[in-house]
Amino acid sequence: MNITLARIDDRLIHGQVTTVWSKVANAQRIIICNDEVYNDEVRRTLLRQAAPPGMKVNVVNIEKAVAVYHNPQYQDETVFYLFTRPQDALAMVRQGVKIGT
């Protein structure tokens, strides 16, 4: 999996993400990695609807995000990770997810 951008922003998908960062990332999909957001069906739905046109959005918990990263089926995917808090990014790094600087 090629992580083109990782951003920590508790607003997740908003104007700046849709107009600037999604273009900078040039990714096939945005993956929102947070257990709380994953467990909130209304918020998940709203975030998917707020995505830029043509951009796939997945809202996953940390465990699933790590599993998908390590799954060879997704090795050619380019993704833009969004986190609400640095602890989530750190948890993924500690489980072998390579997020560049």
PDB file of N, CA and C in Angstrom:
ATOM      1  N   MET A   1       0.853  -1.175   0.000  1.00  0.00           N
ATOM      2  CA  MET A   1       0.000   0.000   0.000  1.00  0.00           C
ATOM      3  C   MET A   1       0.899   1.239   0.000  1.00  0.00           C
ATOM      4  N   ASN A   2       0.578   2.177  -0.834  1.00  0.00           N
ATOM      5  CA  ASN A   2       1.338   3.415  -0.930  1.00  0.00           C
ATOM      6  C   ASN A   2       0.558   4.533  -0.239  1.00  0.00           C
ATOM      7  N   ILE A   3       1.082   5.005   0.875  1.00  0.00           N
ATOM      8  CA  ILE A   3       0.443   6.095   1.616  1.00  0.00           C
ATOM      9  C   ILE A   3       1.006   7.401   1.072  1.00  0.00           C
ATOM     10  N   THR A   4       0.198   8.126   0.327  1.00  0.00           N
ATOM     11  CA  THR A   4       0.687   9.360  -0.280  1.00  0.00           C
ATOM     12  C   THR A   4       0.621  10.545   0.674  1.00  0.00           C
ATOM     13  N   LEU A   5      -0.261  10.450   1.670  1.00  0.00           N
ATOM     14  CA  LEU A   5      -0.382  11.518   2.659  1.00  0.00           C
ATOM     15  C   LEU A   5      -1.079  10.971   3.894  1.00  0.00           C
ATOM     16  N   ALA A   6      -0.619  11.404   5.053  1.00  0.00           N
ATOM     17  CA  ALA A   6      -1.296  11.097   6.318  1.00  0.00           C
ATOM     18  C   ALA A   6      -1.481  12.422   7.040  1.00  0.00           C
ATOM     19  N   ARG A   7      -2.690  12.667   7.496  1.00  0.00           N
ATOM     20  CA  ARG A   7      -3.010  13.952   8.128  1.00  0.00           C
ATOM     21  C   ARG A   7      -3.791  13.707   9.411  1.00  0.00           C
ATOM     22  N   ILE A   8      -3.425  14.457  10.459  1.00  0.00           N
ATOM     23  CA  ILE A   8      -4.156  14.423  11.723  1.00  0.00           C
ATOM     24  C   ILE A   8      -4.987  15.691  11.788  1.00  0.00           C
ATOM     25  N   ASP A   9      -6.309  15.507  11.792  1.00  0.00           N
ATOM     26  CA  ASP A   9      -7.230  16.645  11.777  1.00  0.00           C
ATOM     27  C   ASP A   9      -8.568  16.153  12.302  1.00  0.00           C
ATOM     28  N   ASP A  10      -8.975  16.632  13.464  1.00  0.00           N
ATOM     29  CA  ASP A  10     -10.205  16.104  14.066  1.00  0.00           C
ATOM     30  C   ASP A  10     -11.464  16.474  13.285  1.00  0.00           C
ATOM     31  N   ARG A  11     -11.343  17.365  12.309  1.00  0.00           N
ATOM     32  CA  ARG A  11     -12.494  17.691  11.458  1.00  0.00           C
ATOM     33  C   ARG A  11     -12.663  16.675  10.331  1.00  0.00           C
ATOM     34  N   LEU A  12     -11.609  15.913  10.077  1.00  0.00           N
ATOM     35  CA  LEU A  12     -11.581  14.882   9.041  1.00  0.00           C
ATOM     36  C   LEU A  12     -11.848  15.479   7.670  1.00  0.00           C
ATOM     37  N   ILE A  13     -12.964  15.171   7.034  1.00  0.00           N
ATOM     38  CA  ILE A  13     -13.222  15.683   5.683  1.00  0.00           C
ATOM     39  C   ILE A  13     -13.954  17.016   5.792  1.00  0.00           C
ATOM     40  N   HIS A  14     -13.304  18.060   5.298  1.00  0.00           N
ATOM     41  CA  HIS A  14     -13.870  19.414   5.307  1.00  0.00           C
ATOM     42  C   HIS A  14     -13.333  20.140   4.077  1.00  0.00           C
ATOM     43  N   GLY A  15     -13.614  21.402   3.947  1.00  0.00           N
ATOM     44  CA  GLY A  15     -13.257  22.162   2.754  1.00  0.00           C
ATOM     45  C   GLY A  15     -11.806  22.062   2.342  1.00  0.00           C
ATOM     46  N   GLN A  16     -10.890  22.246   3.279  1.00  0.00           N
ATOM     47  CA  GLN A  16      -9.466  22.203   2.949  1.00  0.00           C
ATOM     48  C   GLN A  16      -9.049  20.809   2.480  1.00  0.00           C
ATOM     49  N   VAL A  17      -9.581  19.791   3.105  1.00  0.00           N
ATOM     50  CA  VAL A  17      -9.260  18.420   2.694  1.00  0.00           C
ATOM     51  C   VAL A  17      -9.791  18.155   1.293  1.00  0.00           C
ATOM     52  N   THR A  18     -11.017  18.580   1.026  1.00  0.00           N
ATOM     53  CA  THR A  18     -11.614  18.282  -0.281  1.00  0.00           C
ATOM     54  C   THR A  18     -11.013  19.112  -1.406  1.00  0.00           C
ATOM     55  N   THR A  19     -10.617  20.349  -1.123  1.00  0.00           N
ATOM     56  CA  THR A  19     -10.123  21.203  -2.205  1.00  0.00           C
ATOM     57  C   THR A  19      -8.613  21.173  -2.372  1.00  0.00           C
ATOM     58  N   VAL A  20      -7.863  20.958  -1.296  1.00  0.00           N
ATOM     59  CA  VAL A  20      -6.403  21.023  -1.392  1.00  0.00           C
ATOM     60  C   VAL A  20      -5.742  19.665  -1.172  1.00  0.00           C
ATOM     61  N   TRP A  21      -5.934  19.106   0.000  1.00  0.00           N
ATOM     62  CA  TRP A  21      -5.171  17.913   0.384  1.00  0.00           C
ATOM     63  C   TRP A  21      -5.491  16.697  -0.469  1.00  0.00           C
ATOM     64  N   SER A  22      -6.718  16.523  -0.880  1.00  0.00           N
ATOM     65  CA  SER A  22      -7.028  15.348  -1.708  1.00  0.00           C
ATOM     66  C   SER A  22      -6.321  15.439  -3.063  1.00  0.00           C
ATOM     67  N   LYS A  23      -6.134  16.659  -3.570  1.00  0.00           N
ATOM     68  CA  LYS A  23      -5.407  16.832  -4.833  1.00  0.00           C
ATOM     69  C   LYS A  23      -3.911  16.628  -4.635  1.00  0.00           C
ATOM     70  N   VAL A  24      -3.379  17.148  -3.533  1.00  0.00           N
ATOM     71  CA  VAL A  24      -1.956  16.972  -3.225  1.00  0.00           C
ATOM     72  C   VAL A  24      -1.638  15.486  -3.060  1.00  0.00           C
ATOM     73  N   ALA A  25      -2.524  14.775  -2.378  1.00  0.00           N
ATOM     74  CA  ALA A  25      -2.299  13.352  -2.102  1.00  0.00           C
ATOM     75  C   ALA A  25      -2.344  12.509  -3.372  1.00  0.00           C
ATOM     76  N   ASN A  26      -3.172  12.911  -4.326  1.00  0.00           N
ATOM     77  CA  ASN A  26      -3.333  12.156  -5.567  1.00  0.00           C
ATOM     78  C   ASN A  26      -3.536  10.660  -5.278  1.00  0.00           C
ATOM     79  N   ALA A  27      -4.420  10.375  -4.337  1.00  0.00           N
ATOM     80  CA  ALA A  27      -4.674   9.004  -3.899  1.00  0.00           C
ATOM     81  C   ALA A  27      -5.960   8.464  -4.513  1.00  0.00           C
ATOM     82  N   GLN A  28      -6.073   7.147  -4.522  1.00  0.00           N
ATOM     83  CA  GLN A  28      -7.287   6.502  -5.024  1.00  0.00           C
ATOM     84  C   GLN A  28      -8.405   6.542  -3.994  1.00  0.00           C
ATOM     85  N   ARG A  29      -8.017   6.616  -2.713  1.00  0.00           N
ATOM     86  CA  ARG A  29      -9.038   6.617  -1.667  1.00  0.00           C
ATOM     87  C   ARG A  29      -8.527   7.305  -0.412  1.00  0.00           C
ATOM     88  N   ILE A  30      -9.484   7.800   0.358  1.00  0.00           N
ATOM     89  CA  ILE A  30      -9.223   8.341   1.690  1.00  0.00           C
ATOM     90  C   ILE A  30      -9.632   7.261   2.680  1.00  0.00           C
ATOM     91  N   ILE A  31      -8.745   6.973   3.619  1.00  0.00           N
ATOM     92  CA  ILE A  31      -9.080   6.028   4.680  1.00  0.00           C
ATOM     93  C   ILE A  31      -9.046   6.778   6.003  1.00  0.00           C
ATOM     94  N   ILE A  32     -10.202   6.867   6.641  1.00  0.00           N
ATOM     95  CA  ILE A  32     -10.314   7.496   7.957  1.00  0.00           C
ATOM     96  C   ILE A  32     -10.113   6.401   8.990  1.00  0.00           C
ATOM     97  N   CYS A  33      -9.103   6.575   9.837  1.00  0.00           N
ATOM     98  CA  CYS A  33      -8.705   5.546  10.800  1.00  0.00           C
ATOM     99  C   CYS A  33      -8.992   6.030  12.216  1.00  0.00           C
ATOM    100  N   ASN A  34     -10.104   5.564  12.784  1.00  0.00           N
ATOM    101  CA  ASN A  34     -10.457   5.943  14.151  1.00  0.00           C
ATOM    102  C   ASN A  34     -11.572   5.035  14.652  1.00  0.00           C
ATOM    103  N   ASP A  35     -11.394   4.486  15.846  1.00  0.00           N
ATOM    104  CA  ASP A  35     -12.386   3.565  16.409  1.00  0.00           C
ATOM    105  C   ASP A  35     -13.718   4.253  16.696  1.00  0.00           C
ATOM    106  N   GLU A  36     -13.677   5.466  17.258  1.00  0.00           N
ATOM    107  CA  GLU A  36     -14.918   6.173  17.606  1.00  0.00           C
ATOM    108  C   GLU A  36     -15.737   6.516  16.369  1.00  0.00           C
ATOM    109  N   VAL A  37     -15.078   7.040  15.362  1.00  0.00           N
ATOM    110  CA  VAL A  37     -15.789   7.402  14.131  1.00  0.00           C
ATOM    111  C   VAL A  37     -16.349   6.141  13.472  1.00  0.00           C
ATOM    112  N   TYR A  38     -15.569   5.078  13.474  1.00  0.00           N
ATOM    113  CA  TYR A  38     -16.022   3.813  12.897  1.00  0.00           C
ATOM    114  C   TYR A  38     -17.302   3.314  13.569  1.00  0.00           C
ATOM    115  N   ASN A  39     -17.411   3.515  14.868  1.00  0.00           N
ATOM    116  CA  ASN A  39     -18.573   3.030  15.619  1.00  0.00           C
ATOM    117  C   ASN A  39     -19.777   3.968  15.579  1.00  0.00           C
ATOM    118  N   ASP A  40     -19.659   5.099  14.894  1.00  0.00           N
ATOM    119  CA  ASP A  40     -20.744   6.077  14.792  1.00  0.00           C
ATOM    120  C   ASP A  40     -21.290   6.055  13.358  1.00  0.00           C
ATOM    121  N   GLU A  41     -22.369   5.329  13.152  1.00  0.00           N
ATOM    122  CA  GLU A  41     -22.907   5.125  11.804  1.00  0.00           C
ATOM    123  C   GLU A  41     -23.302   6.433  11.116  1.00  0.00           C
ATOM    124  N   VAL A  42     -23.887   7.359  11.857  1.00  0.00           N
ATOM    125  CA  VAL A  42     -24.300   8.639  11.273  1.00  0.00           C
ATOM    126  C   VAL A  42     -23.071   9.413  10.792  1.00  0.00           C
ATOM    127  N   ARG A  43     -22.065   9.476  11.619  1.00  0.00           N
ATOM    128  CA  ARG A  43     -20.847  10.205  11.248  1.00  0.00           C
ATOM    129  C   ARG A  43     -20.164   9.551  10.044  1.00  0.00           C
ATOM    130  N   ARG A  44     -20.109   8.228  10.032  1.00  0.00           N
ATOM    131  CA  ARG A  44     -19.518   7.514   8.886  1.00  0.00           C
ATOM    132  C   ARG A  44     -20.237   7.890   7.595  1.00  0.00           C
ATOM    133  N   THR A  45     -21.550   7.891   7.638  1.00  0.00           N
ATOM    134  CA  THR A  45     -22.348   8.214   6.452  1.00  0.00           C
ATOM    135  C   THR A  45     -22.089   9.643   5.992  1.00  0.00           C
ATOM    136  N   LEU A  46     -22.085  10.576   6.924  1.00  0.00           N
ATOM    137  CA  LEU A  46     -21.854  11.982   6.573  1.00  0.00           C
ATOM    138  C   LEU A  46     -20.468  12.193   5.980  1.00  0.00           C
ATOM    139  N   LEU A  47     -19.467  11.531   6.524  1.00  0.00           N
ATOM    140  CA  LEU A  47     -18.109  11.678   6.001  1.00  0.00           C
ATOM    141  C   LEU A  47     -17.998  11.135   4.579  1.00  0.00           C
ATOM    142  N   ARG A  48     -18.638  10.040   4.315  1.00  0.00           N
ATOM    143  CA  ARG A  48     -18.612   9.490   2.947  1.00  0.00           C
ATOM    144  C   ARG A  48     -19.272  10.460   1.961  1.00  0.00           C
ATOM    145  N   GLN A  49     -20.344  11.113   2.406  1.00  0.00           N
ATOM    146  CA  GLN A  49     -21.050  12.055   1.536  1.00  0.00           C
ATOM    147  C   GLN A  49     -20.255  13.341   1.316  1.00  0.00           C
ATOM    148  N   ALA A  50     -19.371  13.678   2.241  1.00  0.00           N
ATOM    149  CA  ALA A  50     -18.592  14.912   2.140  1.00  0.00           C
ATOM    150  C   ALA A  50     -17.335  14.756   1.292  1.00  0.00           C
ATOM    151  N   ALA A  51     -17.072  13.572   0.828  1.00  0.00           N
ATOM    152  CA  ALA A  51     -15.851  13.308   0.062  1.00  0.00           C
ATOM    153  C   ALA A  51     -15.868  14.025  -1.281  1.00  0.00           C
ATOM    154  N   PRO A  52     -14.684  14.334  -1.794  1.00  0.00           N
ATOM    155  CA  PRO A  52     -14.609  14.936  -3.124  1.00  0.00           C
ATOM    156  C   PRO A  52     -15.210  13.991  -4.170  1.00  0.00           C
ATOM    157  N   PRO A  53     -15.793  14.537  -5.230  1.00  0.00           N
ATOM    158  CA  PRO A  53     -16.381  13.694  -6.275  1.00  0.00           C
ATOM    159  C   PRO A  53     -15.355  12.700  -6.829  1.00  0.00           C
ATOM    160  N   GLY A  54     -15.779  11.459  -6.954  1.00  0.00           N
ATOM    161  CA  GLY A  54     -14.912  10.427  -7.512  1.00  0.00           C
ATOM    162  C   GLY A  54     -13.927   9.811  -6.538  1.00  0.00           C
ATOM    163  N   MET A  55     -13.875  10.318  -5.321  1.00  0.00           N
ATOM    164  CA  MET A  55     -12.935   9.797  -4.319  1.00  0.00           C
ATOM    165  C   MET A  55     -13.631   8.750  -3.462  1.00  0.00           C
ATOM    166  N   LYS A  56     -13.014   7.591  -3.359  1.00  0.00           N
ATOM    167  CA  LYS A  56     -13.543   6.547  -2.477  1.00  0.00           C
ATOM    168  C   LYS A  56     -13.146   6.882  -1.044  1.00  0.00           C
ATOM    169  N   VAL A  57     -14.054   6.629  -0.105  1.00  0.00           N
ATOM    170  CA  VAL A  57     -13.780   6.878   1.310  1.00  0.00           C
ATOM    171  C   VAL A  57     -14.139   5.636   2.107  1.00  0.00           C
ATOM    172  N   ASN A  58     -13.205   5.230   2.951  1.00  0.00           N
ATOM    173  CA  ASN A  58     -13.458   4.136   3.885  1.00  0.00           C
ATOM    174  C   ASN A  58     -13.240   4.656   5.292  1.00  0.00           C
ATOM    175  N   VAL A  59     -14.142   4.287   6.189  1.00  0.00           N
ATOM    176  CA  VAL A  59     -13.998   4.621   7.608  1.00  0.00           C
ATOM    177  C   VAL A  59     -13.790   3.291   8.322  1.00  0.00           C
ATOM    178  N   VAL A  60     -12.624   3.134   8.927  1.00  0.00           N
ATOM    179  CA  VAL A  60     -12.270   1.855   9.542  1.00  0.00           C
ATOM    180  C   VAL A  60     -11.719   2.075  10.944  1.00  0.00           C
ATOM    181  N   ASN A  61     -11.783   1.015  11.746  1.00  0.00           N
ATOM    182  CA  ASN A  61     -11.134   1.091  13.051  1.00  0.00           C
ATOM    183  C   ASN A  61      -9.640   0.816  12.860  1.00  0.00           C
ATOM    184  N   ILE A  62      -8.866   1.042  13.901  1.00  0.00           N
ATOM    185  CA  ILE A  62      -7.412   0.906  13.792  1.00  0.00           C
ATOM    186  C   ILE A  62      -7.028  -0.527  13.432  1.00  0.00           C
ATOM    187  N   GLU A  63      -7.668  -1.483  14.056  1.00  0.00           N
ATOM    188  CA  GLU A  63      -7.358  -2.895  13.779  1.00  0.00           C
ATOM    189  C   GLU A  63      -7.535  -3.221  12.299  1.00  0.00           C
ATOM    190  N   LYS A  64      -8.632  -2.776  11.717  1.00  0.00           N
ATOM    191  CA  LYS A  64      -8.911  -3.036  10.297  1.00  0.00           C
ATOM    192  C   LYS A  64      -7.921  -2.286   9.403  1.00  0.00           C
ATOM    193  N   ALA A  65      -7.593  -1.053   9.762  1.00  0.00           N
ATOM    194  CA  ALA A  65      -6.643  -0.268   8.969  1.00  0.00           C
ATOM    195  C   ALA A  65      -5.293  -0.972   8.890  1.00  0.00           C
ATOM    196  N   VAL A  66      -4.841  -1.511  10.010  1.00  0.00           N
ATOM    197  CA  VAL A  66      -3.561  -2.231  10.043  1.00  0.00           C
ATOM    198  C   VAL A  66      -3.656  -3.501   9.196  1.00  0.00           C
ATOM    199  N   ALA A  67      -4.755  -4.237   9.332  1.00  0.00           N
ATOM    200  CA  ALA A  67      -4.932  -5.478   8.568  1.00  0.00           C
ATOM    201  C   ALA A  67      -4.945  -5.208   7.063  1.00  0.00           C
ATOM    202  N   VAL A  68      -5.634  -4.166   6.643  1.00  0.00           N
ATOM    203  CA  VAL A  68      -5.697  -3.825   5.220  1.00  0.00           C
ATOM    204  C   VAL A  68      -4.317  -3.414   4.715  1.00  0.00           C
ATOM    205  N   TYR A  69      -3.592  -2.640   5.505  1.00  0.00           N
ATOM    206  CA  TYR A  69      -2.245  -2.213   5.115  1.00  0.00           C
ATOM    207  C   TYR A  69      -1.352  -3.425   4.832  1.00  0.00           C
ATOM    208  N   HIS A  70      -1.441  -4.434   5.661  1.00  0.00           N
ATOM    209  CA  HIS A  70      -0.580  -5.615   5.530  1.00  0.00           C
ATOM    210  C   HIS A  70      -1.118  -6.655   4.538  1.00  0.00           C
ATOM    211  N   ASN A  71      -2.302  -6.447   3.991  1.00  0.00           N
ATOM    212  CA  ASN A  71      -2.905  -7.397   3.059  1.00  0.00           C
ATOM    213  C   ASN A  71      -2.321  -7.176   1.656  1.00  0.00           C
ATOM    214  N   PRO A  72      -1.660  -8.187   1.080  1.00  0.00           N
ATOM    215  CA  PRO A  72      -1.049  -8.032  -0.248  1.00  0.00           C
ATOM    216  C   PRO A  72      -2.047  -7.654  -1.347  1.00  0.00           C
ATOM    217  N   GLN A  73      -3.314  -7.936  -1.134  1.00  0.00           N
ATOM    218  CA  GLN A  73      -4.342  -7.597  -2.121  1.00  0.00           C
ATOM    219  C   GLN A  73      -4.378  -6.088  -2.386  1.00  0.00           C
ATOM    220  N   TYR A  74      -3.973  -5.282  -1.414  1.00  0.00           N
ATOM    221  CA  TYR A  74      -4.043  -3.823  -1.533  1.00  0.00           C
ATOM    222  C   TYR A  74      -2.679  -3.175  -1.766  1.00  0.00           C
ATOM    223  N   GLN A  75      -1.681  -3.953  -2.149  1.00  0.00           N
ATOM    224  CA  GLN A  75      -0.331  -3.413  -2.275  1.00  0.00           C
ATOM    225  C   GLN A  75      -0.199  -2.317  -3.333  1.00  0.00           C
ATOM    226  N   ASP A  76      -1.068  -2.311  -4.325  1.00  0.00           N
ATOM    227  CA  ASP A  76      -0.982  -1.293  -5.377  1.00  0.00           C
ATOM    228  C   ASP A  76      -1.893  -0.095  -5.141  1.00  0.00           C
ATOM    229  N   GLU A  77      -2.621  -0.084  -4.027  1.00  0.00           N
ATOM    230  CA  GLU A  77      -3.515   1.037  -3.691  1.00  0.00           C
ATOM    231  C   GLU A  77      -2.692   2.255  -3.262  1.00  0.00           C
ATOM    232  N   THR A  78      -3.147   3.436  -3.671  1.00  0.00           N
ATOM    233  CA  THR A  78      -2.587   4.678  -3.136  1.00  0.00           C
ATOM    234  C   THR A  78      -3.654   5.295  -2.244  1.00  0.00           C
ATOM    235  N   VAL A  79      -3.260   5.616  -1.014  1.00  0.00           N
ATOM    236  CA  VAL A  79      -4.241   6.075  -0.029  1.00  0.00           C
ATOM    237  C   VAL A  79      -3.789   7.344   0.683  1.00  0.00           C
ATOM    238  N   PHE A  80      -4.776   8.051   1.178  1.00  0.00           N
ATOM    239  CA  PHE A  80      -4.616   9.251   1.996  1.00  0.00           C
ATOM    240  C   PHE A  80      -5.242   8.892   3.335  1.00  0.00           C
ATOM    241  N   TYR A  81      -4.411   8.788   4.375  1.00  0.00           N
ATOM    242  CA  TYR A  81      -4.909   8.464   5.709  1.00  0.00           C
ATOM    243  C   TYR A  81      -5.320   9.735   6.436  1.00  0.00           C
ATOM    244  N   LEU A  82      -6.473   9.687   7.076  1.00  0.00           N
ATOM    245  CA  LEU A  82      -6.922  10.768   7.954  1.00  0.00           C
ATOM    246  C   LEU A  82      -7.113  10.207   9.359  1.00  0.00           C
ATOM    247  N   PHE A  83      -6.547  10.907  10.326  1.00  0.00           N
ATOM    248  CA  PHE A  83      -6.658  10.532  11.734  1.00  0.00           C
ATOM    249  C   PHE A  83      -7.260  11.690  12.517  1.00  0.00           C
ATOM    250  N   THR A  84      -7.993  11.378  13.588  1.00  0.00           N
ATOM    251  CA  THR A  84      -8.500  12.439  14.455  1.00  0.00           C
ATOM    252  C   THR A  84      -7.511  12.782  15.554  1.00  0.00           C
ATOM    253  N   ARG A  85      -6.598  11.873  15.849  1.00  0.00           N
ATOM    254  CA  ARG A  85      -5.650  12.108  16.945  1.00  0.00           C
ATOM    255  C   ARG A  85      -4.333  11.388  16.671  1.00  0.00           C
ATOM    256  N   PRO A  86      -3.236  11.931  17.164  1.00  0.00           N
ATOM    257  CA  PRO A  86      -1.927  11.328  16.895  1.00  0.00           C
ATOM    258  C   PRO A  86      -1.774   9.922  17.475  1.00  0.00           C
ATOM    259  N   GLN A  87      -2.494   9.618  18.536  1.00  0.00           N
ATOM    260  CA  GLN A  87      -2.387   8.288  19.148  1.00  0.00           C
ATOM    261  C   GLN A  87      -2.785   7.187  18.170  1.00  0.00           C
ATOM    262  N   ASP A  88      -3.737   7.472  17.292  1.00  0.00           N
ATOM    263  CA  ASP A  88      -4.160   6.472  16.309  1.00  0.00           C
ATOM    264  C   ASP A  88      -3.059   6.220  15.275  1.00  0.00           C
ATOM    265  N   ALA A  89      -2.427   7.281  14.817  1.00  0.00           N
ATOM    266  CA  ALA A  89      -1.317   7.129  13.873  1.00  0.00           C
ATOM    267  C   ALA A  89      -0.176   6.358  14.529  1.00  0.00           C
ATOM    268  N   LEU A  90       0.131   6.690  15.774  1.00  0.00           N
ATOM    269  CA  LEU A  90       1.196   6.000  16.500  1.00  0.00           C
ATOM    270  C   LEU A  90       0.877   4.516  16.674  1.00  0.00           C
ATOM    271  N   ALA A  91      -0.364   4.201  17.000  1.00  0.00           N
ATOM    272  CA  ALA A  91      -0.767   2.796  17.162  1.00  0.00           C
ATOM    273  C   ALA A  91      -0.532   2.020  15.867  1.00  0.00           C
ATOM    274  N   MET A  92      -0.819   2.644  14.741  1.00  0.00           N
ATOM    275  CA  MET A  92      -0.620   1.964  13.461  1.00  0.00           C
ATOM    276  C   MET A  92       0.864   1.791  13.154  1.00  0.00           C
ATOM    277  N   VAL A  93       1.659   2.813  13.426  1.00  0.00           N
ATOM    278  CA  VAL A  93       3.103   2.719  13.195  1.00  0.00           C
ATOM    279  C   VAL A  93       3.700   1.603  14.053  1.00  0.00           C
ATOM    280  N   ARG A  94       3.263   1.515  15.279  1.00  0.00           N
ATOM    281  CA  ARG A  94       3.767   0.466  16.180  1.00  0.00           C
ATOM    282  C   ARG A  94       3.396  -0.938  15.708  1.00  0.00           C
ATOM    283  N   GLN A  95       2.391  -1.021  14.834  1.00  0.00           N
ATOM    284  CA  GLN A  95       1.973  -2.316  14.293  1.00  0.00           C
ATOM    285  C   GLN A  95       2.496  -2.531  12.867  1.00  0.00           C
ATOM    286  N   GLY A  96       3.514  -1.762  12.501  1.00  0.00           N
ATOM    287  CA  GLY A  96       4.207  -1.999  11.244  1.00  0.00           C
ATOM    288  C   GLY A  96       3.762  -1.190  10.048  1.00  0.00           C
ATOM    289  N   VAL A  97       2.838  -0.254  10.223  1.00  0.00           N
ATOM    290  CA  VAL A  97       2.413   0.599   9.113  1.00  0.00           C
ATOM    291  C   VAL A  97       3.479   1.671   8.914  1.00  0.00           C
ATOM    292  N   LYS A  98       3.987   1.769   7.689  1.00  0.00           N
ATOM    293  CA  LYS A  98       5.068   2.712   7.401  1.00  0.00           C
ATOM    294  C   LYS A  98       4.484   4.021   6.873  1.00  0.00           C
ATOM    295  N   ILE A  99       4.422   4.994   7.769  1.00  0.00           N
ATOM    296  CA  ILE A  99       3.943   6.324   7.407  1.00  0.00           C
ATOM    297  C   ILE A  99       5.167   7.220   7.328  1.00  0.00           C
ATOM    298  N   GLY A 100       5.481   7.699   6.139  1.00  0.00           N
ATOM    299  CA  GLY A 100       6.664   8.528   5.937  1.00  0.00           C
ATOM    300  C   GLY A 100       6.500   9.918   6.513  1.00  0.00           C
ATOM    301  N   THR A 101       7.611  10.631   6.539  1.00  0.00           N
ATOM    302  CA  THR A 101       7.593  12.001   7.057  1.00  0.00           C
ATOM    303  C   THR A 101       7.733  12.988   5.931  1.00  0.00           C
TER     304      THR A 101
END
